[in-house]
Amino acid sequence: MKKALIFALFALMTLPMMAQNNDKKVGIDKENCTFTNKDGKTFNLYGKWQVVESFPDIKVQVVESFEDVAVEVVESFPDKCGKVKFVESFPDVKVQFVNSFPDIKIKYVKSFPGVKK
């Protein structure tokens, strides 16, 4: 009897957590130019980026083709999709550059930044 009661309580406690994880889709939202990670946090694919070695918001791989996002590095007004300014403090997003298993793939461009559709 006690085991059944404990199991029922455990099942009731885990249902809300399972429902909460399904609310946001993991990956790139092309219409809003955002990325949602596995924890359900959403980050803009533009703005101020800080390069870190550990605990990133997004893991990024630089490629020459088949990119997810075309990135233009700017010095001011990184307010449109794909426009990024690299900063040392107060970032919007912390990124880590990796060679394998990235969250997103980027390509550096001089014009027409944004999410590949």
N, C-alpha and C. Protein backbone atom coordinates (compact mmCIF):
# COMPACT_ATOMS: atom_id res chain seq x y z
N MET A 1 0.82 -1.19 0.00
CA MET A 1 0.00 0.00 0.00
C MET A 1 0.87 1.27 0.00
N LYS A 2 1.91 1.25 0.85
CA LYS A 2 2.79 2.42 0.93
C LYS A 2 3.52 2.63 -0.39
N LYS A 3 3.95 1.54 -1.02
CA LYS A 3 4.66 1.65 -2.29
C LYS A 3 3.76 2.24 -3.37
N ALA A 4 2.51 1.84 -3.40
CA ALA A 4 1.56 2.36 -4.39
C ALA A 4 1.32 3.85 -4.16
N LEU A 5 1.21 4.26 -2.90
CA LEU A 5 1.00 5.66 -2.58
C LEU A 5 2.21 6.51 -2.96
N ILE A 6 3.40 6.00 -2.67
CA ILE A 6 4.63 6.72 -3.03
C ILE A 6 4.76 6.84 -4.54
N PHE A 7 4.45 5.77 -5.25
CA PHE A 7 4.51 5.80 -6.72
C PHE A 7 3.51 6.81 -7.29
N ALA A 8 2.30 6.86 -6.74
CA ALA A 8 1.28 7.80 -7.21
C ALA A 8 1.71 9.24 -6.96
N LEU A 9 2.27 9.50 -5.79
CA LEU A 9 2.76 10.85 -5.50
C LEU A 9 3.90 11.24 -6.43
N PHE A 10 4.82 10.33 -6.68
CA PHE A 10 5.92 10.59 -7.59
C PHE A 10 5.41 10.89 -9.00
N ALA A 11 4.43 10.11 -9.47
CA ALA A 11 3.86 10.33 -10.80
C ALA A 11 3.19 11.69 -10.89
N LEU A 12 2.48 12.09 -9.85
CA LEU A 12 1.81 13.40 -9.85
C LEU A 12 2.81 14.55 -9.83
N MET A 13 3.95 14.34 -9.18
CA MET A 13 4.95 15.41 -9.11
C MET A 13 5.70 15.56 -10.43
N THR A 14 5.88 14.49 -11.18
CA THR A 14 6.66 14.58 -12.42
C THR A 14 5.84 15.02 -13.62
N LEU A 15 4.54 14.88 -13.58
CA LEU A 15 3.72 15.30 -14.72
C LEU A 15 3.86 16.78 -15.06
N PRO A 16 3.79 17.71 -14.10
CA PRO A 16 3.97 19.12 -14.46
C PRO A 16 5.34 19.42 -15.04
N MET A 17 6.39 18.73 -14.57
CA MET A 17 7.73 18.97 -15.10
C MET A 17 7.83 18.50 -16.54
N MET A 18 7.21 17.39 -16.86
CA MET A 18 7.24 16.88 -18.23
C MET A 18 6.45 17.79 -19.15
N ALA A 19 5.35 18.33 -18.69
CA ALA A 19 4.54 19.23 -19.52
C ALA A 19 5.26 20.55 -19.74
N GLN A 20 6.01 21.01 -18.74
CA GLN A 20 6.73 22.27 -18.86
C GLN A 20 7.81 22.19 -19.92
N ASN A 21 8.51 21.09 -20.06
CA ASN A 21 9.58 20.95 -21.03
C ASN A 21 9.08 20.92 -22.47
N ASN A 22 7.83 20.58 -22.70
CA ASN A 22 7.29 20.47 -24.04
C ASN A 22 6.73 21.79 -24.56
N ASP A 23 6.73 22.84 -23.73
CA ASP A 23 6.14 24.11 -24.14
C ASP A 23 6.95 24.78 -25.24
N LYS A 24 8.27 24.75 -25.15
CA LYS A 24 9.13 25.42 -26.12
C LYS A 24 9.88 24.40 -26.95
N LYS A 25 9.95 24.65 -28.24
CA LYS A 25 10.66 23.75 -29.14
C LYS A 25 12.15 24.10 -29.14
N VAL A 26 12.98 23.09 -28.98
CA VAL A 26 14.43 23.29 -28.99
C VAL A 26 14.89 23.53 -30.42
N GLY A 27 15.75 24.54 -30.60
CA GLY A 27 16.30 24.83 -31.92
C GLY A 27 16.09 26.28 -32.32
N ILE A 28 16.21 26.51 -33.63
CA ILE A 28 16.13 27.87 -34.18
C ILE A 28 14.70 28.19 -34.58
N ASP A 29 14.24 29.36 -34.15
CA ASP A 29 12.96 29.90 -34.60
C ASP A 29 13.28 30.92 -35.69
N LYS A 30 13.07 30.56 -36.93
CA LYS A 30 13.48 31.39 -38.07
C LYS A 30 12.70 32.69 -38.15
N GLU A 31 11.44 32.68 -37.76
CA GLU A 31 10.63 33.90 -37.86
C GLU A 31 11.05 34.95 -36.84
N ASN A 32 11.43 34.51 -35.63
CA ASN A 32 11.80 35.46 -34.58
C ASN A 32 13.31 35.63 -34.42
N CYS A 33 14.09 34.87 -35.20
CA CYS A 33 15.55 34.93 -35.15
C CYS A 33 16.05 34.66 -33.74
N THR A 34 15.58 33.54 -33.17
CA THR A 34 15.97 33.15 -31.83
C THR A 34 16.39 31.69 -31.81
N PHE A 35 17.08 31.31 -30.74
CA PHE A 35 17.47 29.92 -30.51
C PHE A 35 17.01 29.54 -29.11
N THR A 36 16.33 28.40 -29.00
CA THR A 36 15.89 27.88 -27.71
C THR A 36 16.72 26.66 -27.38
N ASN A 37 17.38 26.68 -26.22
CA ASN A 37 18.23 25.55 -25.84
C ASN A 37 17.41 24.47 -25.14
N LYS A 38 18.07 23.39 -24.75
CA LYS A 38 17.37 22.25 -24.16
C LYS A 38 16.78 22.56 -22.78
N ASP A 39 17.25 23.64 -22.14
CA ASP A 39 16.69 24.05 -20.85
C ASP A 39 15.46 24.92 -21.02
N GLY A 40 15.11 25.26 -22.27
CA GLY A 40 13.94 26.08 -22.53
C GLY A 40 14.21 27.57 -22.55
N LYS A 41 15.47 27.97 -22.43
CA LYS A 41 15.82 29.39 -22.47
C LYS A 41 15.98 29.83 -23.92
N THR A 42 15.50 31.02 -24.24
CA THR A 42 15.53 31.54 -25.60
C THR A 42 16.52 32.69 -25.70
N PHE A 43 17.34 32.66 -26.76
CA PHE A 43 18.36 33.68 -26.98
C PHE A 43 18.23 34.24 -28.39
N ASN A 44 18.45 35.55 -28.53
CA ASN A 44 18.44 36.18 -29.85
C ASN A 44 19.69 35.79 -30.63
N LEU A 45 19.54 35.65 -31.93
CA LEU A 45 20.67 35.35 -32.81
C LEU A 45 21.23 36.65 -33.39
N TYR A 46 21.24 37.67 -32.58
CA TYR A 46 21.82 38.97 -32.90
C TYR A 46 22.13 39.65 -31.57
N GLY A 47 22.82 40.75 -31.63
CA GLY A 47 23.13 41.49 -30.41
C GLY A 47 24.58 41.35 -29.99
N LYS A 48 24.82 41.54 -28.69
CA LYS A 48 26.18 41.49 -28.14
C LYS A 48 26.50 40.06 -27.72
N TRP A 49 27.56 39.51 -28.30
CA TRP A 49 28.01 38.15 -27.98
C TRP A 49 29.34 38.21 -27.26
N GLN A 50 29.47 37.39 -26.24
CA GLN A 50 30.73 37.23 -25.54
C GLN A 50 31.23 35.80 -25.77
N VAL A 51 32.48 35.66 -26.16
CA VAL A 51 33.07 34.34 -26.38
C VAL A 51 33.58 33.82 -25.04
N VAL A 52 33.12 32.61 -24.67
CA VAL A 52 33.53 31.99 -23.41
C VAL A 52 34.09 30.60 -23.68
N GLU A 53 34.84 30.08 -22.73
CA GLU A 53 35.41 28.73 -22.85
C GLU A 53 34.55 27.68 -22.16
N SER A 54 33.69 28.09 -21.24
CA SER A 54 32.83 27.14 -20.55
C SER A 54 31.50 27.79 -20.20
N PHE A 55 30.50 26.96 -19.97
CA PHE A 55 29.15 27.37 -19.62
C PHE A 55 28.54 28.36 -20.63
N PRO A 56 28.51 28.01 -21.91
CA PRO A 56 27.92 28.92 -22.91
C PRO A 56 26.40 28.81 -22.93
N ASP A 57 25.78 29.83 -23.50
CA ASP A 57 24.36 29.76 -23.80
C ASP A 57 24.14 28.96 -25.08
N ILE A 58 25.04 29.18 -26.05
CA ILE A 58 24.94 28.52 -27.36
C ILE A 58 26.33 28.04 -27.78
N LYS A 59 26.40 26.82 -28.30
CA LYS A 59 27.64 26.31 -28.88
C LYS A 59 27.58 26.55 -30.38
N VAL A 60 28.62 27.19 -30.92
CA VAL A 60 28.63 27.65 -32.31
C VAL A 60 29.77 27.02 -33.07
N GLN A 61 29.50 26.61 -34.30
CA GLN A 61 30.54 26.12 -35.20
C GLN A 61 30.56 27.03 -36.42
N VAL A 62 31.75 27.49 -36.80
CA VAL A 62 31.92 28.33 -37.99
C VAL A 62 32.12 27.40 -39.18
N VAL A 63 31.31 27.60 -40.22
CA VAL A 63 31.38 26.77 -41.43
C VAL A 63 31.44 27.67 -42.66
N GLU A 64 31.76 27.08 -43.79
CA GLU A 64 31.79 27.82 -45.05
C GLU A 64 30.53 27.59 -45.88
N SER A 65 29.78 26.54 -45.57
CA SER A 65 28.54 26.26 -46.31
C SER A 65 27.57 25.53 -45.40
N PHE A 66 26.32 25.51 -45.80
CA PHE A 66 25.24 24.87 -45.05
C PHE A 66 25.09 25.43 -43.64
N GLU A 67 25.17 26.74 -43.54
CA GLU A 67 25.04 27.42 -42.26
C GLU A 67 23.57 27.54 -41.85
N ASP A 68 23.35 27.71 -40.55
CA ASP A 68 22.02 28.02 -40.04
C ASP A 68 21.79 29.53 -40.04
N VAL A 69 22.85 30.28 -39.73
CA VAL A 69 22.76 31.74 -39.62
C VAL A 69 23.95 32.38 -40.32
N ALA A 70 23.68 33.37 -41.17
CA ALA A 70 24.73 34.19 -41.76
C ALA A 70 24.97 35.35 -40.80
N VAL A 71 26.20 35.50 -40.31
CA VAL A 71 26.53 36.48 -39.28
C VAL A 71 27.40 37.58 -39.87
N GLU A 72 26.98 38.82 -39.63
CA GLU A 72 27.79 39.98 -40.00
C GLU A 72 28.28 40.62 -38.70
N VAL A 73 29.59 40.73 -38.54
CA VAL A 73 30.17 41.35 -37.36
C VAL A 73 30.15 42.86 -37.56
N VAL A 74 29.52 43.58 -36.62
CA VAL A 74 29.40 45.04 -36.71
C VAL A 74 29.99 45.68 -35.46
N GLU A 75 30.28 46.96 -35.55
CA GLU A 75 30.79 47.71 -34.40
C GLU A 75 29.69 48.47 -33.66
N SER A 76 28.56 48.68 -34.33
CA SER A 76 27.45 49.37 -33.68
C SER A 76 26.12 48.88 -34.24
N PHE A 77 25.09 49.03 -33.47
CA PHE A 77 23.72 48.66 -33.82
C PHE A 77 23.56 47.19 -34.24
N PRO A 78 23.89 46.25 -33.35
CA PRO A 78 23.64 44.84 -33.65
C PRO A 78 22.19 44.48 -33.31
N ASP A 79 21.26 45.15 -34.00
CA ASP A 79 19.85 45.04 -33.63
C ASP A 79 18.98 44.32 -34.65
N LYS A 80 19.59 43.72 -35.66
CA LYS A 80 18.83 42.98 -36.67
C LYS A 80 19.36 41.55 -36.74
N CYS A 81 18.56 40.67 -37.24
CA CYS A 81 18.89 39.25 -37.30
C CYS A 81 20.23 39.01 -37.99
N GLY A 82 21.14 38.34 -37.29
CA GLY A 82 22.44 38.00 -37.85
C GLY A 82 23.53 39.03 -37.61
N LYS A 83 23.19 40.21 -37.11
CA LYS A 83 24.20 41.23 -36.82
C LYS A 83 24.70 41.04 -35.39
N VAL A 84 26.02 40.93 -35.24
CA VAL A 84 26.63 40.61 -33.96
C VAL A 84 27.78 41.55 -33.66
N LYS A 85 27.85 41.96 -32.40
CA LYS A 85 29.00 42.72 -31.91
C LYS A 85 29.63 41.89 -30.79
N PHE A 86 30.92 41.59 -30.90
CA PHE A 86 31.62 40.83 -29.87
C PHE A 86 32.06 41.78 -28.76
N VAL A 87 31.73 41.42 -27.52
CA VAL A 87 32.03 42.25 -26.35
C VAL A 87 32.75 41.42 -25.30
N GLU A 88 33.37 42.11 -24.35
CA GLU A 88 34.06 41.44 -23.24
C GLU A 88 33.20 41.39 -21.97
N SER A 89 32.18 42.26 -21.89
CA SER A 89 31.32 42.28 -20.71
C SER A 89 29.91 42.68 -21.09
N PHE A 90 28.97 42.35 -20.24
CA PHE A 90 27.55 42.64 -20.41
C PHE A 90 27.00 42.11 -21.74
N PRO A 91 27.16 40.81 -22.01
CA PRO A 91 26.67 40.27 -23.27
C PRO A 91 25.18 39.96 -23.22
N ASP A 92 24.58 39.88 -24.41
CA ASP A 92 23.22 39.36 -24.54
C ASP A 92 23.27 37.83 -24.56
N VAL A 93 24.31 37.29 -25.19
CA VAL A 93 24.47 35.84 -25.34
C VAL A 93 25.94 35.47 -25.14
N LYS A 94 26.17 34.36 -24.43
CA LYS A 94 27.53 33.82 -24.28
C LYS A 94 27.65 32.65 -25.25
N VAL A 95 28.67 32.69 -26.11
CA VAL A 95 28.87 31.63 -27.10
C VAL A 95 30.22 30.95 -26.90
N GLN A 96 30.25 29.69 -27.25
CA GLN A 96 31.49 28.92 -27.24
C GLN A 96 31.68 28.36 -28.63
N PHE A 97 32.85 28.59 -29.22
CA PHE A 97 33.14 28.06 -30.55
C PHE A 97 33.64 26.63 -30.40
N VAL A 98 33.01 25.72 -31.14
CA VAL A 98 33.35 24.30 -31.08
C VAL A 98 33.60 23.78 -32.48
N ASN A 99 34.27 22.62 -32.57
CA ASN A 99 34.52 21.98 -33.86
C ASN A 99 33.53 20.87 -34.16
N SER A 100 32.83 20.40 -33.14
CA SER A 100 31.85 19.33 -33.35
C SER A 100 30.70 19.48 -32.36
N PHE A 101 29.58 18.91 -32.73
CA PHE A 101 28.36 18.93 -31.92
C PHE A 101 27.91 20.34 -31.54
N PRO A 102 27.74 21.24 -32.52
CA PRO A 102 27.28 22.59 -32.21
C PRO A 102 25.76 22.65 -32.04
N ASP A 103 25.30 23.72 -31.40
CA ASP A 103 23.87 24.01 -31.37
C ASP A 103 23.45 24.66 -32.68
N ILE A 104 24.30 25.58 -33.17
CA ILE A 104 24.04 26.24 -34.45
C ILE A 104 25.34 26.33 -35.25
N LYS A 105 25.18 26.46 -36.57
CA LYS A 105 26.33 26.67 -37.47
C LYS A 105 26.20 28.05 -38.07
N ILE A 106 27.30 28.82 -38.07
CA ILE A 106 27.28 30.16 -38.62
C ILE A 106 28.30 30.28 -39.74
N LYS A 107 28.04 31.27 -40.59
CA LYS A 107 28.99 31.64 -41.64
C LYS A 107 29.15 33.15 -41.56
N TYR A 108 30.39 33.64 -41.56
CA TYR A 108 30.63 35.08 -41.55
C TYR A 108 30.40 35.65 -42.94
N VAL A 109 29.64 36.74 -43.02
CA VAL A 109 29.34 37.41 -44.28
C VAL A 109 29.57 38.90 -44.14
N LYS A 110 29.71 39.58 -45.27
CA LYS A 110 29.85 41.04 -45.28
C LYS A 110 28.51 41.73 -45.52
N SER A 111 27.54 40.99 -46.08
CA SER A 111 26.22 41.57 -46.35
C SER A 111 25.16 40.46 -46.28
N PHE A 112 23.93 40.87 -46.15
CA PHE A 112 22.76 39.99 -46.08
C PHE A 112 22.86 38.98 -44.93
N PRO A 113 23.00 39.47 -43.70
CA PRO A 113 23.01 38.54 -42.55
C PRO A 113 21.61 38.05 -42.26
N GLY A 114 21.53 36.97 -41.51
CA GLY A 114 20.23 36.47 -41.06
C GLY A 114 20.16 34.97 -41.06
N VAL A 115 18.98 34.48 -40.67
CA VAL A 115 18.74 33.04 -40.61
C VAL A 115 18.48 32.50 -42.00
N LYS A 116 19.11 31.39 -42.30
CA LYS A 116 18.89 30.74 -43.60
C LYS A 116 17.51 30.10 -43.60
N LYS A 117 16.73 30.41 -44.62
CA LYS A 117 15.34 29.92 -44.65
C LYS A 117 15.19 28.71 -45.51
